């Protein structure tokens, strides 16, 4: 590991994977609750998304304004994690999708994604 990366990780609490997995779990919980039309469970899953994460809040407008290769990499990563598009029944599912994409965008800014060309 490069010394610069090690220094950055020591200075932070590296919860990137935990936060991403947590948001993906809440997305799955929300989708399942929506399939069963369980309003209370949908509300609970929506509320449990990491809406207070300042790095994602900062990355959200940047992601929405992004075009080209950087946005394409984030969308590719998201589609690999969540291959099913949001349902039309409730706009909140699309909001969670956009939030997770903004999270991935912030990760891509800090540590650019590298995808193998063998799968393309």
PDB file of N, CA and C in Angstrom:
ATOM      1  N   UNK A   1       0.853  -1.169   0.000  1.00  0.00           N
ATOM      2  CA  UNK A   1       0.000   0.000   0.000  1.00  0.00           C
ATOM      3  C   UNK A   1       0.902   1.236   0.000  1.00  0.00           C
ATOM      4  N   UNK A   2       0.570   2.187  -0.845  1.00  0.00           N
ATOM      5  CA  UNK A   2       1.358   3.406  -0.941  1.00  0.00           C
ATOM      6  C   UNK A   2       1.313   4.169   0.374  1.00  0.00           C
ATOM      7  N   UNK A   3       2.420   4.826   0.743  1.00  0.00           N
ATOM      8  CA  UNK A   3       2.438   5.564   2.018  1.00  0.00           C
ATOM      9  C   UNK A   3       1.355   6.636   2.099  1.00  0.00           C
ATOM     10  N   UNK A   4       1.024   7.299   0.976  1.00  0.00           N
ATOM     11  CA  UNK A   4       0.007   8.344   1.003  1.00  0.00           C
ATOM     12  C   UNK A   4      -1.369   7.765   1.333  1.00  0.00           C
ATOM     13  N   UNK A   5      -1.683   6.616   0.751  1.00  0.00           N
ATOM     14  CA  UNK A   5      -2.974   5.983   0.996  1.00  0.00           C
ATOM     15  C   UNK A   5      -3.058   5.537   2.453  1.00  0.00           C
ATOM     16  N   UNK A   6      -1.971   4.980   2.960  1.00  0.00           N
ATOM     17  CA  UNK A   6      -1.948   4.541   4.360  1.00  0.00           C
ATOM     18  C   UNK A   6      -2.159   5.717   5.296  1.00  0.00           C
ATOM     19  N   UNK A   7      -1.544   6.858   4.982  1.00  0.00           N
ATOM     20  CA  UNK A   7      -1.715   8.055   5.819  1.00  0.00           C
ATOM     21  C   UNK A   7      -3.155   8.548   5.792  1.00  0.00           C
ATOM     22  N   UNK A   8      -3.761   8.525   4.614  1.00  0.00           N
ATOM     23  CA  UNK A   8      -5.156   8.963   4.492  1.00  0.00           C
ATOM     24  C   UNK A   8      -6.061   8.044   5.308  1.00  0.00           C
ATOM     25  N   UNK A   9      -5.832   6.734   5.203  1.00  0.00           N
ATOM     26  CA  UNK A   9      -6.667   5.781   5.929  1.00  0.00           C
ATOM     27  C   UNK A   9      -6.502   5.893   7.436  1.00  0.00           C
ATOM     28  N   UNK A  10      -5.297   6.207   7.895  1.00  0.00           N
ATOM     29  CA  UNK A  10      -5.067   6.378   9.331  1.00  0.00           C
ATOM     30  C   UNK A  10      -5.804   7.604   9.862  1.00  0.00           C
ATOM     31  N   UNK A  11      -5.897   8.637   9.030  1.00  0.00           N
ATOM     32  CA  UNK A  11      -6.529   9.884   9.457  1.00  0.00           C
ATOM     33  C   UNK A  11      -8.051   9.803   9.438  1.00  0.00           C
ATOM     34  N   UNK A  12      -8.615   8.803   8.777  1.00  0.00           N
ATOM     35  CA  UNK A  12     -10.063   8.682   8.653  1.00  0.00           C
ATOM     36  C   UNK A  12     -10.546   7.407   9.312  1.00  0.00           C
ATOM     37  N   UNK A  13     -11.831   7.362   9.516  1.00  0.00           N
ATOM     38  CA  UNK A  13     -12.466   6.133   9.946  1.00  0.00           C
ATOM     39  C   UNK A  13     -13.001   5.484   8.677  1.00  0.00           C
ATOM     40  N   UNK A  14     -12.313   4.488   8.134  1.00  0.00           N
ATOM     41  CA  UNK A  14     -12.680   3.969   6.810  1.00  0.00           C
ATOM     42  C   UNK A  14     -13.936   3.097   6.846  1.00  0.00           C
ATOM     43  N   UNK A  15     -15.069   3.743   6.757  1.00  0.00           N
ATOM     44  CA  UNK A  15     -16.353   3.044   6.769  1.00  0.00           C
ATOM     45  C   UNK A  15     -17.003   3.006   5.403  1.00  0.00           C
ATOM     46  N   UNK A  16     -16.226   3.218   4.365  1.00  0.00           N
ATOM     47  CA  UNK A  16     -16.806   3.307   3.022  1.00  0.00           C
ATOM     48  C   UNK A  16     -17.593   2.062   2.655  1.00  0.00           C
ATOM     49  N   UNK A  17     -17.014   0.900   2.870  1.00  0.00           N
ATOM     50  CA  UNK A  17     -17.697  -0.339   2.497  1.00  0.00           C
ATOM     51  C   UNK A  17     -18.926  -0.550   3.371  1.00  0.00           C
ATOM     52  N   UNK A  18     -18.790  -0.298   4.658  1.00  0.00           N
ATOM     53  CA  UNK A  18     -19.925  -0.461   5.569  1.00  0.00           C
ATOM     54  C   UNK A  18     -21.088   0.441   5.177  1.00  0.00           C
ATOM     55  N   UNK A  19     -20.797   1.690   4.837  1.00  0.00           N
ATOM     56  CA  UNK A  19     -21.862   2.630   4.462  1.00  0.00           C
ATOM     57  C   UNK A  19     -22.526   2.226   3.148  1.00  0.00           C
ATOM     58  N   UNK A  20     -21.712   1.791   2.181  1.00  0.00           N
ATOM     59  CA  UNK A  20     -22.267   1.351   0.908  1.00  0.00           C
ATOM     60  C   UNK A  20     -23.154   0.122   1.109  1.00  0.00           C
ATOM     61  N   UNK A  21     -22.652  -0.854   1.847  1.00  0.00           N
ATOM     62  CA  UNK A  21     -23.435  -2.067   2.088  1.00  0.00           C
ATOM     63  C   UNK A  21     -24.711  -1.744   2.863  1.00  0.00           C
ATOM     64  N   UNK A  22     -24.616  -0.844   3.821  1.00  0.00           N
ATOM     65  CA  UNK A  22     -25.798  -0.455   4.590  1.00  0.00           C
ATOM     66  C   UNK A  22     -26.860   0.169   3.687  1.00  0.00           C
ATOM     67  N   UNK A  23     -26.443   1.068   2.804  1.00  0.00           N
ATOM     68  CA  UNK A  23     -27.402   1.694   1.885  1.00  0.00           C
ATOM     69  C   UNK A  23     -27.985   0.665   0.921  1.00  0.00           C
ATOM     70  N   UNK A  24     -27.158  -0.274   0.454  1.00  0.00           N
ATOM     71  CA  UNK A  24     -27.669  -1.312  -0.440  1.00  0.00           C
ATOM     72  C   UNK A  24     -28.657  -2.226   0.283  1.00  0.00           C
ATOM     73  N   UNK A  25     -28.406  -2.501   1.557  1.00  0.00           N
ATOM     74  CA  UNK A  25     -29.355  -3.298   2.348  1.00  0.00           C
ATOM     75  C   UNK A  25     -30.688  -2.569   2.481  1.00  0.00           C
ATOM     76  N   UNK A  26     -30.624  -1.267   2.737  1.00  0.00           N
ATOM     77  CA  UNK A  26     -31.863  -0.504   2.865  1.00  0.00           C
ATOM     78  C   UNK A  26     -32.603  -0.413   1.536  1.00  0.00           C
ATOM     79  N   UNK A  27     -31.870  -0.356   0.442  1.00  0.00           N
ATOM     80  CA  UNK A  27     -32.504  -0.378  -0.878  1.00  0.00           C
ATOM     81  C   UNK A  27     -33.222  -1.711  -1.089  1.00  0.00           C
ATOM     82  N   UNK A  28     -32.568  -2.810  -0.743  1.00  0.00           N
ATOM     83  CA  UNK A  28     -33.198  -4.126  -0.873  1.00  0.00           C
ATOM     84  C   UNK A  28     -34.413  -4.240   0.044  1.00  0.00           C
ATOM     85  N   UNK A  29     -34.292  -3.720   1.259  1.00  0.00           N
ATOM     86  CA  UNK A  29     -35.425  -3.753   2.194  1.00  0.00           C
ATOM     87  C   UNK A  29     -36.579  -2.911   1.656  1.00  0.00           C
ATOM     88  N   UNK A  30     -36.263  -1.762   1.100  1.00  0.00           N
ATOM     89  CA  UNK A  30     -37.288  -0.889   0.542  1.00  0.00           C
ATOM     90  C   UNK A  30     -37.998  -1.575  -0.635  1.00  0.00           C
ATOM     91  N   UNK A  31     -37.210  -2.195  -1.535  1.00  0.00           N
ATOM     92  CA  UNK A  31     -37.797  -2.869  -2.690  1.00  0.00           C
ATOM     93  C   UNK A  31     -38.699  -4.026  -2.257  1.00  0.00           C
ATOM     94  N   UNK A  32     -38.246  -4.788  -1.273  1.00  0.00           N
ATOM     95  CA  UNK A  32     -39.046  -5.912  -0.788  1.00  0.00           C
ATOM     96  C   UNK A  32     -40.351  -5.409  -0.164  1.00  0.00           C
ATOM     97  N   UNK A  33     -40.241  -4.377   0.649  1.00  0.00           N
ATOM     98  CA  UNK A  33     -41.440  -3.811   1.269  1.00  0.00           C
ATOM     99  C   UNK A  33     -42.386  -3.246   0.213  1.00  0.00           C
ATOM    100  N   UNK A  34     -41.828  -2.638  -0.832  1.00  0.00           N
ATOM    101  CA  UNK A  34     -42.660  -2.089  -1.907  1.00  0.00           C
ATOM    102  C   UNK A  34     -43.381  -3.216  -2.657  1.00  0.00           C
ATOM    103  N   UNK A  35     -42.698  -4.342  -2.858  1.00  0.00           N
ATOM    104  CA  UNK A  35     -43.335  -5.484  -3.524  1.00  0.00           C
ATOM    105  C   UNK A  35     -44.557  -5.969  -2.752  1.00  0.00           C
ATOM    106  N   UNK A  36     -44.458  -5.897  -1.436  1.00  0.00           N
ATOM    107  CA  UNK A  36     -45.551  -6.357  -0.572  1.00  0.00           C
ATOM    108  C   UNK A  36     -46.492  -5.219  -0.165  1.00  0.00           C
ATOM    109  N   UNK A  37     -46.229  -4.015  -0.651  1.00  0.00           N
ATOM    110  CA  UNK A  37     -47.039  -2.826  -0.330  1.00  0.00           C
ATOM    111  C   UNK A  37     -47.115  -2.586   1.172  1.00  0.00           C
ATOM    112  N   UNK A  38     -45.982  -2.774   1.831  1.00  0.00           N
ATOM    113  CA  UNK A  38     -45.879  -2.562   3.280  1.00  0.00           C
ATOM    114  C   UNK A  38     -45.371  -1.142   3.522  1.00  0.00           C
ATOM    115  N   UNK A  39     -46.272  -0.214   3.649  1.00  0.00           N
ATOM    116  CA  UNK A  39     -45.924   1.209   3.768  1.00  0.00           C
ATOM    117  C   UNK A  39     -45.006   1.491   4.951  1.00  0.00           C
ATOM    118  N   UNK A  40     -45.301   0.889   6.088  1.00  0.00           N
ATOM    119  CA  UNK A  40     -44.500   1.133   7.289  1.00  0.00           C
ATOM    120  C   UNK A  40     -43.057   0.650   7.104  1.00  0.00           C
ATOM    121  N   UNK A  41     -42.894  -0.515   6.514  1.00  0.00           N
ATOM    122  CA  UNK A  41     -41.556  -1.049   6.258  1.00  0.00           C
ATOM    123  C   UNK A  41     -40.822  -0.208   5.217  1.00  0.00           C
ATOM    124  N   UNK A  42     -41.554   0.275   4.218  1.00  0.00           N
ATOM    125  CA  UNK A  42     -40.946   1.152   3.213  1.00  0.00           C
ATOM    126  C   UNK A  42     -40.432   2.426   3.870  1.00  0.00           C
ATOM    127  N   UNK A  43     -41.259   3.017   4.738  1.00  0.00           N
ATOM    128  CA  UNK A  43     -40.859   4.242   5.434  1.00  0.00           C
ATOM    129  C   UNK A  43     -39.631   4.003   6.305  1.00  0.00           C
ATOM    130  N   UNK A  44     -39.601   2.857   6.999  1.00  0.00           N
ATOM    131  CA  UNK A  44     -38.468   2.537   7.855  1.00  0.00           C
ATOM    132  C   UNK A  44     -37.185   2.361   7.073  1.00  0.00           C
ATOM    133  N   UNK A  45     -37.250   1.645   5.953  1.00  0.00           N
ATOM    134  CA  UNK A  45     -36.065   1.441   5.122  1.00  0.00           C
ATOM    135  C   UNK A  45     -35.590   2.760   4.522  1.00  0.00           C
ATOM    136  N   UNK A  46     -36.531   3.580   4.068  1.00  0.00           N
ATOM    137  CA  UNK A  46     -36.165   4.877   3.489  1.00  0.00           C
ATOM    138  C   UNK A  46     -35.484   5.766   4.531  1.00  0.00           C
ATOM    139  N   UNK A  47     -36.023   5.769   5.733  1.00  0.00           N
ATOM    140  CA  UNK A  47     -35.455   6.597   6.802  1.00  0.00           C
ATOM    141  C   UNK A  47     -34.076   6.115   7.235  1.00  0.00           C
ATOM    142  N   UNK A  48     -33.792   4.819   7.052  1.00  0.00           N
ATOM    143  CA  UNK A  48     -32.517   4.253   7.505  1.00  0.00           C
ATOM    144  C   UNK A  48     -31.377   4.455   6.511  1.00  0.00           C
ATOM    145  N   UNK A  49     -31.655   5.014   5.351  1.00  0.00           N
ATOM    146  CA  UNK A  49     -30.582   5.327   4.392  1.00  0.00           C
ATOM    147  C   UNK A  49     -29.723   6.432   5.003  1.00  0.00           C
ATOM    148  N   UNK A  50     -28.471   6.463   4.634  1.00  0.00           N
ATOM    149  CA  UNK A  50     -27.500   7.388   5.246  1.00  0.00           C
ATOM    150  C   UNK A  50     -27.647   8.820   4.730  1.00  0.00           C
ATOM    151  N   UNK A  51     -28.811   9.420   4.898  1.00  0.00           N
ATOM    152  CA  UNK A  51     -29.076  10.764   4.379  1.00  0.00           C
ATOM    153  C   UNK A  51     -28.192  11.829   5.008  1.00  0.00           C
ATOM    154  N   UNK A  52     -27.600  11.564   6.152  1.00  0.00           N
ATOM    155  CA  UNK A  52     -26.786  12.567   6.846  1.00  0.00           C
ATOM    156  C   UNK A  52     -25.311  12.515   6.465  1.00  0.00           C
ATOM    157  N   UNK A  53     -24.925  11.703   5.508  1.00  0.00           N
ATOM    158  CA  UNK A  53     -23.515  11.575   5.112  1.00  0.00           C
ATOM    159  C   UNK A  53     -23.098  12.798   4.291  1.00  0.00           C
ATOM    160  N   UNK A  54     -22.245  13.618   4.858  1.00  0.00           N
ATOM    161  CA  UNK A  54     -21.866  14.885   4.220  1.00  0.00           C
ATOM    162  C   UNK A  54     -21.073  14.683   2.929  1.00  0.00           C
ATOM    163  N   UNK A  55     -20.300  13.620   2.825  1.00  0.00           N
ATOM    164  CA  UNK A  55     -19.537  13.399   1.593  1.00  0.00           C
ATOM    165  C   UNK A  55     -20.456  13.059   0.423  1.00  0.00           C
ATOM    166  N   UNK A  56     -21.528  12.348   0.707  1.00  0.00           N
ATOM    167  CA  UNK A  56     -22.489  12.022  -0.353  1.00  0.00           C
ATOM    168  C   UNK A  56     -23.308  13.260  -0.700  1.00  0.00           C
ATOM    169  N   UNK A  57     -23.679  14.039   0.310  1.00  0.00           N
ATOM    170  CA  UNK A  57     -24.403  15.293   0.050  1.00  0.00           C
ATOM    171  C   UNK A  57     -23.600  16.192  -0.878  1.00  0.00           C
ATOM    172  N   UNK A  58     -22.293  16.273  -0.630  1.00  0.00           N
ATOM    173  CA  UNK A  58     -21.430  17.120  -1.459  1.00  0.00           C
ATOM    174  C   UNK A  58     -21.279  16.547  -2.869  1.00  0.00           C
ATOM    175  N   UNK A  59     -21.261  15.235  -2.992  1.00  0.00           N
ATOM    176  CA  UNK A  59     -21.057  14.595  -4.291  1.00  0.00           C
ATOM    177  C   UNK A  59     -22.321  14.555  -5.143  1.00  0.00           C
ATOM    178  N   UNK A  60     -23.492  14.681  -4.520  1.00  0.00           N
ATOM    179  CA  UNK A  60     -24.754  14.547  -5.246  1.00  0.00           C
ATOM    180  C   UNK A  60     -24.883  15.536  -6.409  1.00  0.00           C
ATOM    181  N   UNK A  61     -24.706  16.848  -6.201  1.00  0.00           N
ATOM    182  CA  UNK A  61     -24.826  17.748  -7.349  1.00  0.00           C
ATOM    183  C   UNK A  61     -23.735  17.521  -8.391  1.00  0.00           C
ATOM    184  N   UNK A  62     -22.562  17.094  -7.934  1.00  0.00           N
ATOM    185  CA  UNK A  62     -21.480  16.807  -8.881  1.00  0.00           C
ATOM    186  C   UNK A  62     -21.835  15.597  -9.745  1.00  0.00           C
ATOM    187  N   UNK A  63     -22.412  14.580  -9.119  1.00  0.00           N
ATOM    188  CA  UNK A  63     -22.826  13.398  -9.878  1.00  0.00           C
ATOM    189  C   UNK A  63     -23.909  13.774 -10.892  1.00  0.00           C
ATOM    190  N   UNK A  64     -24.897  14.546 -10.457  1.00  0.00           N
ATOM    191  CA  UNK A  64     -25.997  14.922 -11.346  1.00  0.00           C
ATOM    192  C   UNK A  64     -25.512  15.769 -12.523  1.00  0.00           C
ATOM    193  N   UNK A  65     -24.464  16.553 -12.309  1.00  0.00           N
ATOM    194  CA  UNK A  65     -23.927  17.399 -13.376  1.00  0.00           C
ATOM    195  C   UNK A  65     -22.881  16.678 -14.229  1.00  0.00           C
ATOM    196  N   UNK A  66     -22.417  15.537 -13.780  1.00  0.00           N
ATOM    197  CA  UNK A  66     -21.347  14.819 -14.483  1.00  0.00           C
ATOM    198  C   UNK A  66     -21.844  14.235 -15.798  1.00  0.00           C
ATOM    199  N   UNK A  67     -20.932  14.173 -16.739  1.00  0.00           N
ATOM    200  CA  UNK A  67     -21.192  13.531 -18.023  1.00  0.00           C
ATOM    201  C   UNK A  67     -19.948  12.742 -18.418  1.00  0.00           C
ATOM    202  N   UNK A  68     -20.078  11.949 -19.417  1.00  0.00           N
ATOM    203  CA  UNK A  68     -18.912  11.278 -19.967  1.00  0.00           C
ATOM    204  C   UNK A  68     -18.429  10.094 -19.163  1.00  0.00           C
ATOM    205  N   UNK A  69     -17.121   9.893 -19.193  1.00  0.00           N
ATOM    206  CA  UNK A  69     -16.507   8.680 -18.661  1.00  0.00           C
ATOM    207  C   UNK A  69     -16.699   8.519 -17.159  1.00  0.00           C
ATOM    208  N   UNK A  70     -16.589   9.594 -16.402  1.00  0.00           N
ATOM    209  CA  UNK A  70     -16.703   9.464 -14.942  1.00  0.00           C
ATOM    210  C   UNK A  70     -18.105   9.032 -14.531  1.00  0.00           C
ATOM    211  N   UNK A  71     -19.108   9.614 -15.136  1.00  0.00           N
ATOM    212  CA  UNK A  71     -20.476   9.203 -14.817  1.00  0.00           C
ATOM    213  C   UNK A  71     -20.750   7.789 -15.321  1.00  0.00           C
ATOM    214  N   UNK A  72     -20.208   7.471 -16.487  1.00  0.00           N
ATOM    215  CA  UNK A  72     -20.406   6.136 -17.049  1.00  0.00           C
ATOM    216  C   UNK A  72     -19.792   5.065 -16.142  1.00  0.00           C
ATOM    217  N   UNK A  73     -18.629   5.351 -15.558  1.00  0.00           N
ATOM    218  CA  UNK A  73     -18.009   4.383 -14.640  1.00  0.00           C
ATOM    219  C   UNK A  73     -18.877   4.170 -13.412  1.00  0.00           C
ATOM    220  N   UNK A  74     -19.418   5.235 -12.873  1.00  0.00           N
ATOM    221  CA  UNK A  74     -20.278   5.136 -11.689  1.00  0.00           C
ATOM    222  C   UNK A  74     -21.556   4.375 -12.031  1.00  0.00           C
ATOM    223  N   UNK A  75     -22.170   4.691 -13.151  1.00  0.00           N
ATOM    224  CA  UNK A  75     -23.393   3.998 -13.558  1.00  0.00           C
ATOM    225  C   UNK A  75     -23.124   2.519 -13.826  1.00  0.00           C
ATOM    226  N   UNK A  76     -21.974   2.212 -14.397  1.00  0.00           N
ATOM    227  CA  UNK A  76     -21.593   0.813 -14.650  1.00  0.00           C
ATOM    228  C   UNK A  76     -21.449   0.068 -13.323  1.00  0.00           C
ATOM    229  N   UNK A  77     -20.762   0.675 -12.366  1.00  0.00           N
ATOM    230  CA  UNK A  77     -20.579   0.045 -11.048  1.00  0.00           C
ATOM    231  C   UNK A  77     -21.934  -0.141 -10.366  1.00  0.00           C
ATOM    232  N   UNK A  78     -22.789   0.880 -10.421  1.00  0.00           N
ATOM    233  CA  UNK A  78     -24.103   0.782  -9.792  1.00  0.00           C
ATOM    234  C   UNK A  78     -24.934  -0.328 -10.432  1.00  0.00           C
ATOM    235  N   UNK A  79     -24.930  -0.393 -11.755  1.00  0.00           N
ATOM    236  CA  UNK A  79     -25.725  -1.411 -12.447  1.00  0.00           C
ATOM    237  C   UNK A  79     -25.214  -2.824 -12.168  1.00  0.00           C
ATOM    238  N   UNK A  80     -23.927  -2.950 -11.864  1.00  0.00           N
ATOM    239  CA  UNK A  80     -23.394  -4.249 -11.467  1.00  0.00           C
ATOM    240  C   UNK A  80     -23.908  -4.634 -10.077  1.00  0.00           C
ATOM    241  N   UNK A  81     -24.080  -3.643  -9.205  1.00  0.00           N
ATOM    242  CA  UNK A  81     -24.571  -3.891  -7.848  1.00  0.00           C
ATOM    243  C   UNK A  81     -26.088  -4.006  -7.790  1.00  0.00           C
ATOM    244  N   UNK A  82     -26.766  -3.198  -8.588  1.00  0.00           N
ATOM    245  CA  UNK A  82     -28.240  -3.135  -8.578  1.00  0.00           C
ATOM    246  C   UNK A  82     -28.717  -3.224 -10.030  1.00  0.00           C
ATOM    247  N   UNK A  83     -28.872  -4.444 -10.557  1.00  0.00           N
ATOM    248  CA  UNK A  83     -29.219  -4.574 -11.976  1.00  0.00           C
ATOM    249  C   UNK A  83     -30.669  -4.252 -12.316  1.00  0.00           C
ATOM    250  N   UNK A  84     -31.518  -4.114 -11.303  1.00  0.00           N
ATOM    251  CA  UNK A  84     -32.948  -3.888 -11.530  1.00  0.00           C
ATOM    252  C   UNK A  84     -33.255  -2.387 -11.464  1.00  0.00           C
ATOM    253  N   UNK A  85     -33.913  -1.824 -12.486  1.00  0.00           N
ATOM    254  CA  UNK A  85     -34.248  -0.392 -12.435  1.00  0.00           C
ATOM    255  C   UNK A  85     -35.319  -0.123 -11.378  1.00  0.00           C
ATOM    256  N   UNK A  86     -35.437   1.124 -10.934  1.00  0.00           N
ATOM    257  CA  UNK A  86     -36.462   1.434  -9.928  1.00  0.00           C
ATOM    258  C   UNK A  86     -37.861   1.237 -10.498  1.00  0.00           C
ATOM    259  N   UNK A  87     -38.776   0.849  -9.624  1.00  0.00           N
ATOM    260  CA  UNK A  87     -40.165   0.662 -10.031  1.00  0.00           C
ATOM    261  C   UNK A  87     -40.849   2.014 -10.161  1.00  0.00           C
ATOM    262  N   UNK A  88     -41.879   2.065 -10.955  1.00  0.00           N
ATOM    263  CA  UNK A  88     -42.623   3.308 -11.173  1.00  0.00           C
ATOM    264  C   UNK A  88     -43.618   3.607 -10.053  1.00  0.00           C
ATOM    265  N   UNK A  89     -43.807   2.668  -9.129  1.00  0.00           N
ATOM    266  CA  UNK A  89     -44.849   2.838  -8.121  1.00  0.00           C
ATOM    267  C   UNK A  89     -44.533   3.921  -7.102  1.00  0.00           C
ATOM    268  N   UNK A  90     -43.264   4.190  -6.864  1.00  0.00           N
ATOM    269  CA  UNK A  90     -42.891   5.150  -5.828  1.00  0.00           C
ATOM    270  C   UNK A  90     -41.567   5.812  -6.197  1.00  0.00           C
ATOM    271  N   UNK A  91     -41.537   7.122  -6.236  1.00  0.00           N
ATOM    272  CA  UNK A  91     -40.329   7.851  -6.600  1.00  0.00           C
ATOM    273  C   UNK A  91     -39.205   7.746  -5.589  1.00  0.00           C
ATOM    274  N   UNK A  92     -39.522   7.331  -4.362  1.00  0.00           N
ATOM    275  CA  UNK A  92     -38.475   7.254  -3.343  1.00  0.00           C
ATOM    276  C   UNK A  92     -37.423   6.198  -3.671  1.00  0.00           C
ATOM    277  N   UNK A  93     -37.816   5.158  -4.372  1.00  0.00           N
ATOM    278  CA  UNK A  93     -36.842   4.135  -4.766  1.00  0.00           C
ATOM    279  C   UNK A  93     -35.817   4.740  -5.728  1.00  0.00           C
ATOM    280  N   UNK A  94     -36.255   5.569  -6.655  1.00  0.00           N
ATOM    281  CA  UNK A  94     -35.339   6.250  -7.570  1.00  0.00           C
ATOM    282  C   UNK A  94     -34.430   7.217  -6.810  1.00  0.00           C
ATOM    283  N   UNK A  95     -34.949   7.825  -5.760  1.00  0.00           N
ATOM    284  CA  UNK A  95     -34.135   8.726  -4.930  1.00  0.00           C
ATOM    285  C   UNK A  95     -33.017   7.948  -4.250  1.00  0.00           C
ATOM    286  N   UNK A  96     -33.329   6.764  -3.732  1.00  0.00           N
ATOM    287  CA  UNK A  96     -32.296   5.934  -3.103  1.00  0.00           C
ATOM    288  C   UNK A  96     -31.262   5.525  -4.144  1.00  0.00           C
ATOM    289  N   UNK A  97     -31.706   5.166  -5.342  1.00  0.00           N
ATOM    290  CA  UNK A  97     -30.770   4.817  -6.408  1.00  0.00           C
ATOM    291  C   UNK A  97     -29.809   5.968  -6.673  1.00  0.00           C
ATOM    292  N   UNK A  98     -30.344   7.171  -6.785  1.00  0.00           N
ATOM    293  CA  UNK A  98     -29.505   8.338  -7.057  1.00  0.00           C
ATOM    294  C   UNK A  98     -28.541   8.592  -5.903  1.00  0.00           C
ATOM    295  N   UNK A  99     -28.990   8.384  -4.675  1.00  0.00           N
ATOM    296  CA  UNK A  99     -28.127   8.574  -3.501  1.00  0.00           C
ATOM    297  C   UNK A  99     -26.953   7.588  -3.526  1.00  0.00           C
ATOM    298  N   UNK A 100     -27.236   6.339  -3.832  1.00  0.00           N
ATOM    299  CA  UNK A 100     -26.172   5.334  -3.883  1.00  0.00           C
ATOM    300  C   UNK A 100     -25.206   5.652  -5.025  1.00  0.00           C
ATOM    301  N   UNK A 101     -25.724   6.127  -6.144  1.00  0.00           N
ATOM    302  CA  UNK A 101     -24.850   6.531  -7.252  1.00  0.00           C
ATOM    303  C   UNK A 101     -23.958   7.703  -6.840  1.00  0.00           C
ATOM    304  N   UNK A 102     -24.509   8.646  -6.091  1.00  0.00           N
ATOM    305  CA  UNK A 102     -23.703   9.766  -5.603  1.00  0.00           C
ATOM    306  C   UNK A 102     -22.619   9.258  -4.645  1.00  0.00           C
ATOM    307  N   UNK A 103     -22.951   8.265  -3.823  1.00  0.00           N
ATOM    308  CA  UNK A 103     -21.954   7.659  -2.928  1.00  0.00           C
ATOM    309  C   UNK A 103     -20.826   7.046  -3.761  1.00  0.00           C
ATOM    310  N   UNK A 104     -21.187   6.282  -4.774  1.00  0.00           N
ATOM    311  CA  UNK A 104     -20.173   5.685  -5.639  1.00  0.00           C
ATOM    312  C   UNK A 104     -19.355   6.750  -6.358  1.00  0.00           C
ATOM    313  N   UNK A 105     -20.001   7.847  -6.747  1.00  0.00           N
ATOM    314  CA  UNK A 105     -19.297   8.945  -7.398  1.00  0.00           C
ATOM    315  C   UNK A 105     -18.246   9.538  -6.460  1.00  0.00           C
ATOM    316  N   UNK A 106     -18.599   9.698  -5.178  1.00  0.00           N
ATOM    317  CA  UNK A 106     -17.631  10.243  -4.219  1.00  0.00           C
ATOM    318  C   UNK A 106     -16.465   9.277  -4.024  1.00  0.00           C
ATOM    319  N   UNK A 107     -16.735   7.975  -4.038  1.00  0.00           N
ATOM    320  CA  UNK A 107     -15.660   6.984  -3.926  1.00  0.00           C
ATOM    321  C   UNK A 107     -14.778   7.008  -5.166  1.00  0.00           C
ATOM    322  N   UNK A 108     -15.403   7.159  -6.327  1.00  0.00           N
ATOM    323  CA  UNK A 108     -14.649   7.198  -7.574  1.00  0.00           C
ATOM    324  C   UNK A 108     -13.742   8.431  -7.628  1.00  0.00           C
ATOM    325  N   UNK A 109     -14.196   9.533  -7.065  1.00  0.00           N
ATOM    326  CA  UNK A 109     -13.358  10.738  -7.021  1.00  0.00           C
ATOM    327  C   UNK A 109     -12.122  10.504  -6.150  1.00  0.00           C
ATOM    328  N   UNK A 110     -12.303   9.868  -5.015  1.00  0.00           N
ATOM    329  CA  UNK A 110     -11.199   9.641  -4.087  1.00  0.00           C
ATOM    330  C   UNK A 110     -10.269   8.528  -4.568  1.00  0.00           C
ATOM    331  N   UNK A 111     -10.850   7.467  -5.063  1.00  0.00           N
ATOM    332  CA  UNK A 111     -10.097   6.296  -5.515  1.00  0.00           C
ATOM    333  C   UNK A 111     -10.724   5.814  -6.821  1.00  0.00           C
ATOM    334  N   UNK A 112     -10.231   6.323  -7.965  1.00  0.00           N
ATOM    335  CA  UNK A 112     -10.868   6.038  -9.260  1.00  0.00           C
ATOM    336  C   UNK A 112     -11.061   4.543  -9.517  1.00  0.00           C
ATOM    337  N   UNK A 113     -12.249   4.225 -10.004  1.00  0.00           N
ATOM    338  CA  UNK A 113     -12.569   2.840 -10.340  1.00  0.00           C
ATOM    339  C   UNK A 113     -11.731   2.394 -11.533  1.00  0.00           C
ATOM    340  N   UNK A 114     -11.345   1.151 -11.511  1.00  0.00           N
ATOM    341  CA  UNK A 114     -10.646   0.550 -12.633  1.00  0.00           C
ATOM    342  C   UNK A 114     -11.353  -0.759 -12.955  1.00  0.00           C
ATOM    343  N   UNK A 115     -11.867  -0.848 -14.166  1.00  0.00           N
ATOM    344  CA  UNK A 115     -12.586  -2.033 -14.587  1.00  0.00           C
ATOM    345  C   UNK A 115     -11.763  -2.771 -15.628  1.00  0.00           C
ATOM    346  N   UNK A 116     -11.832  -4.080 -15.594  1.00  0.00           N
ATOM    347  CA  UNK A 116     -11.108  -4.912 -16.547  1.00  0.00           C
ATOM    348  C   UNK A 116     -11.747  -4.801 -17.927  1.00  0.00           C
ATOM    349  N   UNK A 117     -10.929  -4.735 -18.930  1.00  0.00           N
ATOM    350  CA  UNK A 117     -11.458  -4.675 -20.295  1.00  0.00           C
ATOM    351  C   UNK A 117     -11.843  -6.043 -20.813  1.00  0.00           C
ATOM    352  N   UNK A 118     -11.523  -7.096 -20.063  1.00  0.00           N
ATOM    353  CA  UNK A 118     -11.856  -8.452 -20.507  1.00  0.00           C
ATOM    354  C   UNK A 118     -13.344  -8.717 -20.511  1.00  0.00           C
ATOM    355  N   UNK A 119     -14.085  -8.063 -19.624  1.00  0.00           N
ATOM    356  CA  UNK A 119     -15.516  -8.276 -19.524  1.00  0.00           C
ATOM    357  C   UNK A 119     -16.325  -7.476 -20.512  1.00  0.00           C
ATOM    358  N   UNK A 120     -15.696  -6.639 -21.303  1.00  0.00           N
ATOM    359  CA  UNK A 120     -16.431  -5.756 -22.212  1.00  0.00           C
ATOM    360  C   UNK A 120     -16.478  -6.279 -23.611  1.00  0.00           C
TER     361      UNK A 120
END
